[in-house]
Amino acid sequence: MRARMVSMDKVAIVVVTYRRQELLATLFKSILNLTKAPWRVVIVDNEHSDTTRQMVEEFESAVTGQWGKTIPDSSGEDSRVVYAPQSDNLGGAGGFSAGVKRAYELGAQWFWVMDDDVAVEPEGLDKLAKWSDKHEVIQGSRLDYDGGPFYWQYHFIVSLGIPDPIAPAAFGLAGYRVMNTMCFEGGCFSRRVVERIGFPDPRFFIYWDDTLYGYLASKVTTPIVVPDVVMRRTREIGNWDIAGVRQLNSTSDMNRYHIMRNRGYMARYFMQYGDYRPVLFALGTAATFTKELIRLVAVDRSSFGSGVKKLVTGWWDSRKLLHDPEWKPMPPLK
């Protein structure tokens, strides 16, 4: 099967994986069903696993058999699949930073980023490509594990540093909604954006890294979220359904810590652009803490004691980051 041509050229799919080979296999299978061949597929392996390496080699063979080789990069490498094992677990933030950097160095013009617990829709790249002539950051829609629509909070209240909980779910007459955030579960952005805002910040480790990257992107272009479904989630997560549209998903104590700690990094970036409002941001931090307490009671009650401890520790560490004299933002590339 040969892919038909569309306007989005040299697309690199950047996948970050860690100890979820079964889910990764599902993603690989879905990529092979794409109606447009990706220019590269960069697999960032945070586990540096022999099993994952073997899976990637088999995937590379299948990709080559289906689409052939690709345009060679500066080193002469022409395989569509690039395996990028990491010596340490860099978390999602570090993995996406490493993956985007690798794809950028190879010469990618577009970056479609995702975790290993999704499957792409066959026409996913085609659906994104139709927006690429006028937009540089495109967030496609997703289906949840159960096949229903997945609502994502595309508007970020910068002064509070929190997602807008009442942003309308419907799309307007333009057929898309302007956003000032991003999600690395399917976010797609151009090389020009990377050049102007740099690579994703690996220091976040997990959580808020994609939100912040979308905020930075909104300073140089107009990101949009579109109704076209480009992928679906493949991992079932416990959640609390809110009014049939929004959900409060289960999370881990590690996430809880970084949800609070990384607000320190977020505030430092807001300071760079004159968007930091101390009183309002503190109010947003309190609201975030309260939301996580609700999550613990409604979804993760068995982890209540340890969860509260991680939230408090993360909040304390975020205050240290606010006053770190060594901190600097990720630099632009051009």
Protein backbone atom coordinates (compact mmCIF):
# COMPACT_ATOMS: atom_id res chain seq x y z
CA MET A 1 0.00 0.00 0.00
CA ARG A 2 1.43 3.36 -1.05
CA ALA A 3 0.45 6.57 0.66
CA ARG A 4 -1.14 9.39 -1.29
CA MET A 5 0.60 12.73 -1.29
CA VAL A 6 -0.56 15.65 0.85
CA SER A 7 1.03 19.01 1.63
CA MET A 8 2.64 18.22 5.00
CA ASP A 9 6.18 17.07 4.14
CA LYS A 10 8.93 15.40 6.18
CA VAL A 11 6.72 14.49 9.12
CA ALA A 12 8.48 12.79 12.02
CA ILE A 13 6.30 10.80 14.39
CA VAL A 14 7.98 11.01 17.80
CA VAL A 15 6.99 8.24 20.24
CA VAL A 16 8.11 8.06 23.88
CA THR A 17 7.83 4.66 25.52
CA TYR A 18 8.67 3.11 28.88
CA ARG A 19 7.94 -0.49 29.89
CA ARG A 20 4.70 -0.80 27.94
CA GLN A 21 5.62 -3.10 25.07
CA GLU A 22 2.10 -4.46 24.62
CA LEU A 23 0.71 -0.96 24.12
CA LEU A 24 3.63 -0.03 21.89
CA ALA A 25 2.83 -3.01 19.64
CA THR A 26 -0.70 -1.68 19.18
CA LEU A 27 0.66 1.74 18.24
CA PHE A 28 3.10 0.23 15.74
CA LYS A 29 0.27 -1.71 14.10
CA SER A 30 -1.80 1.46 13.75
CA ILE A 31 1.11 3.40 12.22
CA LEU A 32 1.38 0.72 9.54
CA ASN A 33 -2.25 1.43 8.66
CA LEU A 34 -1.64 5.11 7.96
CA THR A 35 -2.72 6.27 4.50
CA LYS A 36 0.21 8.69 4.42
CA ALA A 37 3.72 7.41 5.03
CA PRO A 38 5.62 9.27 7.77
CA TRP A 39 9.05 10.53 6.80
CA ARG A 40 10.51 9.23 10.05
CA VAL A 41 9.29 7.43 13.16
CA VAL A 42 11.56 8.21 16.12
CA ILE A 43 11.14 5.80 19.04
CA VAL A 44 12.51 7.17 22.32
CA ASP A 45 12.97 4.22 24.67
CA ASN A 46 13.28 5.45 28.26
CA GLU A 47 13.77 1.87 29.45
CA HIS A 48 16.58 1.03 27.01
CA SER A 49 15.08 -2.45 26.75
CA ASP A 50 16.32 -5.31 24.57
CA THR A 51 12.70 -6.31 24.08
CA THR A 52 11.78 -2.86 22.80
CA ARG A 53 14.84 -2.79 20.55
CA GLN A 54 13.78 -6.09 18.97
CA MET A 55 10.24 -4.77 18.49
CA VAL A 56 11.59 -1.65 16.78
CA GLU A 57 13.75 -3.76 14.46
CA GLU A 58 10.72 -5.84 13.46
CA PHE A 59 8.66 -2.67 13.02
CA GLU A 60 11.39 -1.16 10.84
CA SER A 61 11.33 -4.23 8.61
CA ALA A 62 7.55 -3.99 8.25
CA VAL A 63 7.71 -0.25 7.52
CA THR A 64 10.39 -0.74 4.87
CA GLY A 65 8.40 -3.53 3.27
CA GLN A 66 5.32 -1.33 3.10
CA TRP A 67 6.68 2.10 2.21
CA GLY A 68 10.30 1.56 1.29
CA LYS A 69 13.17 3.77 2.41
CA THR A 70 12.88 7.52 2.87
CA ILE A 71 14.80 10.65 1.86
CA PRO A 72 18.34 10.28 3.25
CA ASP A 73 19.46 12.66 5.98
CA SER A 74 22.83 14.41 6.07
CA SER A 75 24.55 11.23 7.26
CA GLY A 76 23.08 9.21 4.41
CA GLU A 77 20.69 7.25 6.68
CA ASP A 78 17.48 6.43 4.81
CA SER A 79 15.52 4.22 7.21
CA ARG A 80 12.10 5.56 8.18
CA VAL A 81 12.45 4.16 11.71
CA VAL A 82 14.96 5.57 14.18
CA TYR A 83 15.55 3.89 17.54
CA ALA A 84 16.68 6.27 20.30
CA PRO A 85 17.35 4.40 23.58
CA GLN A 86 18.12 6.55 26.61
CA SER A 87 20.63 5.68 29.31
CA ASP A 88 18.21 6.86 32.02
CA ASN A 89 14.45 7.22 32.33
CA LEU A 90 13.98 10.86 31.33
CA GLY A 91 10.24 10.87 31.92
CA GLY A 92 7.80 12.04 29.30
CA ALA A 93 9.25 15.55 29.26
CA GLY A 94 12.83 14.40 28.78
CA GLY A 95 11.75 11.79 26.26
CA PHE A 96 9.90 14.28 24.09
CA SER A 97 12.76 16.75 24.35
CA ALA A 98 15.22 14.07 23.21
CA GLY A 99 12.89 12.82 20.48
CA VAL A 100 12.11 16.23 19.01
CA LYS A 101 15.82 17.09 19.11
CA ARG A 102 16.72 13.89 17.27
CA ALA A 103 14.04 14.43 14.63
CA TYR A 104 15.06 18.08 14.25
CA GLU A 105 18.69 17.10 13.69
CA LEU A 106 17.57 14.60 11.06
CA GLY A 107 15.80 17.42 9.21
CA ALA A 108 12.13 16.96 10.10
CA GLN A 109 9.78 19.76 9.05
CA TRP A 110 6.85 18.58 11.20
CA PHE A 111 6.70 16.76 14.52
CA TRP A 112 3.73 14.59 15.51
CA VAL A 113 4.34 13.56 19.11
CA MET A 114 2.65 10.84 21.17
CA ASP A 115 2.99 8.43 24.06
CA ASP A 116 2.92 4.66 23.61
CA ASP A 117 -0.65 4.24 24.92
CA VAL A 118 -2.45 5.52 21.83
CA ALA A 119 -3.27 4.25 18.34
CA VAL A 120 -3.36 6.58 15.36
CA GLU A 121 -6.30 6.69 12.99
CA PRO A 122 -5.53 5.56 9.41
CA GLU A 123 -6.16 9.04 7.99
CA GLY A 124 -4.61 10.84 10.96
CA LEU A 125 -1.78 12.46 9.02
CA ASP A 126 -4.08 13.39 6.14
CA LYS A 127 -6.47 15.08 8.57
CA LEU A 128 -3.66 17.08 10.16
CA ALA A 129 -2.14 17.96 6.79
CA LYS A 130 -5.24 19.79 5.57
CA TRP A 131 -4.66 22.41 8.28
CA SER A 132 -0.90 22.73 7.79
CA ASP A 133 -0.94 25.31 4.99
CA LYS A 134 -2.20 28.01 7.39
CA HIS A 135 -1.35 26.75 10.88
CA GLU A 136 1.91 25.73 12.57
CA VAL A 137 0.55 24.00 15.69
CA ILE A 138 -2.36 21.60 15.26
CA GLN A 139 -3.96 19.49 17.98
CA GLY A 140 -6.23 16.80 16.58
CA SER A 141 -9.14 15.33 18.52
CA ARG A 142 -8.99 11.93 20.21
CA LEU A 143 -11.26 9.11 21.21
CA ASP A 144 -11.14 7.69 24.72
CA TYR A 145 -10.42 4.06 25.56
CA ASP A 146 -14.15 3.24 25.37
CA GLY A 147 -14.51 4.80 21.92
CA GLY A 148 -16.27 7.92 23.15
CA PRO A 149 -14.97 11.46 22.54
CA PHE A 150 -12.13 12.59 24.79
CA TYR A 151 -12.57 16.15 26.06
CA TRP A 152 -9.34 18.09 26.43
CA GLN A 153 -9.04 21.50 28.08
CA TYR A 154 -7.56 23.46 25.18
CA HIS A 155 -7.68 26.88 26.84
CA PHE A 156 -5.22 27.79 29.58
CA ILE A 157 -5.87 30.59 32.07
CA VAL A 158 -2.35 31.99 32.18
CA SER A 159 -2.81 34.33 35.15
CA LEU A 160 -3.94 31.40 37.33
CA GLY A 161 -1.76 28.78 35.64
CA ILE A 162 -4.64 26.32 35.27
CA PRO A 163 -6.70 24.84 32.42
CA ASP A 164 -10.03 26.58 31.85
CA PRO A 165 -12.63 24.21 33.36
CA ILE A 166 -15.54 25.78 31.46
CA ALA A 167 -14.03 26.20 27.98
CA PRO A 168 -16.76 25.20 25.47
CA ALA A 169 -16.40 21.73 24.00
CA ALA A 170 -18.10 22.64 20.71
CA PHE A 171 -16.20 24.04 17.72
CA GLY A 172 -17.12 27.38 16.17
CA LEU A 173 -17.94 28.40 12.61
CA ALA A 174 -14.23 28.46 11.72
CA GLY A 175 -14.13 24.70 12.22
CA TYR A 176 -11.45 24.92 14.90
CA ARG A 177 -10.70 26.62 18.20
CA VAL A 178 -7.66 28.72 18.99
CA MET A 179 -5.67 27.31 21.91
CA ASN A 180 -2.78 28.55 24.03
CA THR A 181 -1.60 25.16 25.29
CA MET A 182 -0.68 21.78 23.81
CA CYS A 183 -0.89 18.10 24.60
CA PHE A 184 1.96 15.78 23.64
CA GLU A 185 -0.64 13.07 23.17
CA GLY A 186 -1.04 13.88 19.48
CA GLY A 187 0.22 17.45 19.25
CA CYS A 188 1.66 18.37 15.84
CA PHE A 189 3.93 21.37 15.23
CA SER A 190 6.28 22.74 12.60
CA ARG A 191 10.04 23.12 12.49
CA ARG A 192 9.71 26.90 12.50
CA VAL A 193 8.01 26.74 15.91
CA VAL A 194 10.83 24.60 17.32
CA GLU A 195 13.40 27.03 15.95
CA ARG A 196 11.74 29.95 17.69
CA ILE A 197 10.98 28.43 21.12
CA GLY A 198 13.56 25.65 21.41
CA PHE A 199 13.10 22.02 22.38
CA PRO A 200 10.61 20.92 25.08
CA ASP A 201 12.03 21.43 28.56
CA PRO A 202 13.25 18.06 29.97
CA ARG A 203 13.44 19.43 33.52
CA PHE A 204 9.70 18.98 33.98
CA PHE A 205 10.22 15.18 33.85
CA ILE A 206 6.45 14.65 33.72
CA TYR A 207 3.44 16.96 33.74
CA TRP A 208 2.89 20.54 32.51
CA ASP A 209 5.74 20.22 29.98
CA ASP A 210 3.37 20.08 27.00
CA THR A 211 1.12 22.75 28.51
CA LEU A 212 4.10 25.07 28.79
CA TYR A 213 5.33 24.22 25.29
CA GLY A 214 1.95 25.18 23.89
CA TYR A 215 2.04 28.42 25.87
CA LEU A 216 5.43 29.23 24.36
CA ALA A 217 4.18 28.30 20.89
CA SER A 218 1.25 30.71 21.33
CA LYS A 219 3.80 33.52 21.68
CA VAL A 220 5.09 32.95 18.14
CA THR A 221 2.04 31.59 16.27
CA THR A 222 -1.65 30.75 16.68
CA PRO A 223 -2.10 27.11 17.78
CA ILE A 224 -5.43 25.45 17.02
CA VAL A 225 -7.39 22.39 18.11
CA VAL A 226 -9.48 20.76 15.39
CA PRO A 227 -12.46 18.36 15.46
CA ASP A 228 -10.78 15.79 13.21
CA VAL A 229 -10.17 12.58 15.17
CA VAL A 230 -6.55 11.54 14.62
CA MET A 231 -6.00 8.96 17.37
CA ARG A 232 -7.56 6.98 20.18
CA ARG A 233 -6.37 6.06 23.65
CA THR A 234 -5.60 2.37 24.22
CA ARG A 235 -5.03 2.28 27.98
CA GLU A 236 -7.97 2.10 30.34
CA ILE A 237 -7.67 4.57 33.22
CA GLY A 238 -9.94 4.77 36.24
CA ASN A 239 -11.91 8.02 36.24
CA TRP A 240 -14.75 10.00 37.69
CA ASP A 241 -17.22 11.04 35.00
CA ILE A 242 -18.31 14.69 35.36
CA ALA A 243 -21.58 15.64 33.63
CA GLY A 244 -20.97 13.10 30.87
CA VAL A 245 -18.33 15.24 29.14
CA ARG A 246 -15.32 15.86 31.39
CA GLN A 247 -13.49 13.26 33.42
CA LEU A 248 -11.19 13.26 36.42
CA ASN A 249 -8.75 10.45 35.74
CA SER A 250 -6.77 8.37 38.19
CA THR A 251 -3.11 9.31 38.59
CA SER A 252 -0.03 8.34 40.58
CA ASP A 253 1.82 9.84 43.52
CA MET A 254 4.73 10.59 41.19
CA ASN A 255 2.38 12.61 39.00
CA ARG A 256 0.94 14.37 42.03
CA TYR A 257 4.40 15.52 43.10
CA HIS A 258 5.25 16.89 39.66
CA ILE A 259 1.84 18.52 39.22
CA MET A 260 2.74 20.76 42.15
CA ARG A 261 6.52 21.04 41.78
CA ASN A 262 6.46 21.97 38.10
CA ARG A 263 4.33 25.01 38.78
CA GLY A 264 7.61 26.55 39.84
CA TYR A 265 9.00 26.05 36.30
CA MET A 266 5.74 27.32 34.84
CA ALA A 267 5.94 30.52 36.86
CA ARG A 268 9.53 31.15 35.78
CA TYR A 269 8.51 30.97 32.12
CA PHE A 270 5.58 33.29 32.75
CA MET A 271 8.03 35.76 34.27
CA GLN A 272 10.03 35.72 31.03
CA TYR A 273 7.00 37.00 29.12
CA GLY A 274 5.62 39.36 31.75
CA ASP A 275 2.63 37.09 32.43
CA TYR A 276 3.36 36.22 36.05
CA ARG A 277 0.81 37.59 38.52
CA PRO A 278 1.93 36.40 41.99
CA VAL A 279 -1.42 36.65 43.78
CA LEU A 280 -3.46 35.11 40.96
CA PHE A 281 -0.88 32.40 40.34
CA ALA A 282 -0.91 31.51 44.06
CA LEU A 283 -4.69 31.25 43.83
CA GLY A 284 -4.27 28.90 40.85
CA THR A 285 -1.80 26.81 42.84
CA ALA A 286 -4.31 26.50 45.68
CA ALA A 287 -7.00 25.52 43.17
CA THR A 288 -4.69 22.87 41.70
CA PHE A 289 -3.99 21.48 45.16
CA THR A 290 -7.73 21.36 45.89
CA LYS A 291 -8.45 19.61 42.58
CA GLU A 292 -5.86 16.95 43.43
CA LEU A 293 -7.41 16.44 46.86
CA ILE A 294 -10.77 15.88 45.14
CA ARG A 295 -9.11 13.40 42.78
CA LEU A 296 -7.70 11.53 45.78
CA VAL A 297 -11.12 11.32 47.45
CA ALA A 298 -13.15 10.55 44.31
CA VAL A 299 -10.79 8.33 42.31
CA ASP A 300 -7.61 7.38 44.21
CA ARG A 301 -8.80 7.20 47.82
CA SER A 302 -6.54 4.22 48.61
CA SER A 303 -3.53 6.52 48.08
CA PHE A 304 -4.88 9.41 50.13
CA GLY A 305 -2.15 9.53 52.80
CA SER A 306 0.84 9.18 50.48
CA GLY A 307 -0.85 11.37 47.86
CA VAL A 308 -1.29 14.32 50.22
CA LYS A 309 2.35 14.02 51.29
CA LYS A 310 3.52 14.16 47.65
CA LEU A 311 1.32 17.17 46.93
CA VAL A 312 2.71 19.10 49.89
CA THR A 313 6.31 18.16 49.04
CA GLY A 314 5.82 19.19 45.42
CA TRP A 315 4.31 22.52 46.46
CA TRP A 316 7.26 23.20 48.75
CA ASP A 317 9.78 22.35 46.03
CA SER A 318 7.99 24.60 43.54
CA ARG A 319 8.70 27.55 45.83
CA LYS A 320 12.42 26.71 45.71
CA LEU A 321 12.33 26.81 41.90
CA LEU A 322 10.73 30.25 42.00
CA HIS A 323 13.87 31.61 43.64
CA ASP A 324 16.55 29.49 41.96
CA PRO A 325 19.24 31.94 40.72
CA GLU A 326 20.64 29.30 38.35
CA TRP A 327 17.43 28.79 36.39
CA LYS A 328 17.32 29.72 32.71
CA PRO A 329 14.63 29.02 30.06
CA MET A 330 15.21 26.63 27.18
CA PRO A 331 16.92 28.69 24.46
CA PRO A 332 15.49 29.25 20.96
CA LEU A 333 17.42 27.56 18.16
CA LYS A 334 17.38 30.57 15.82
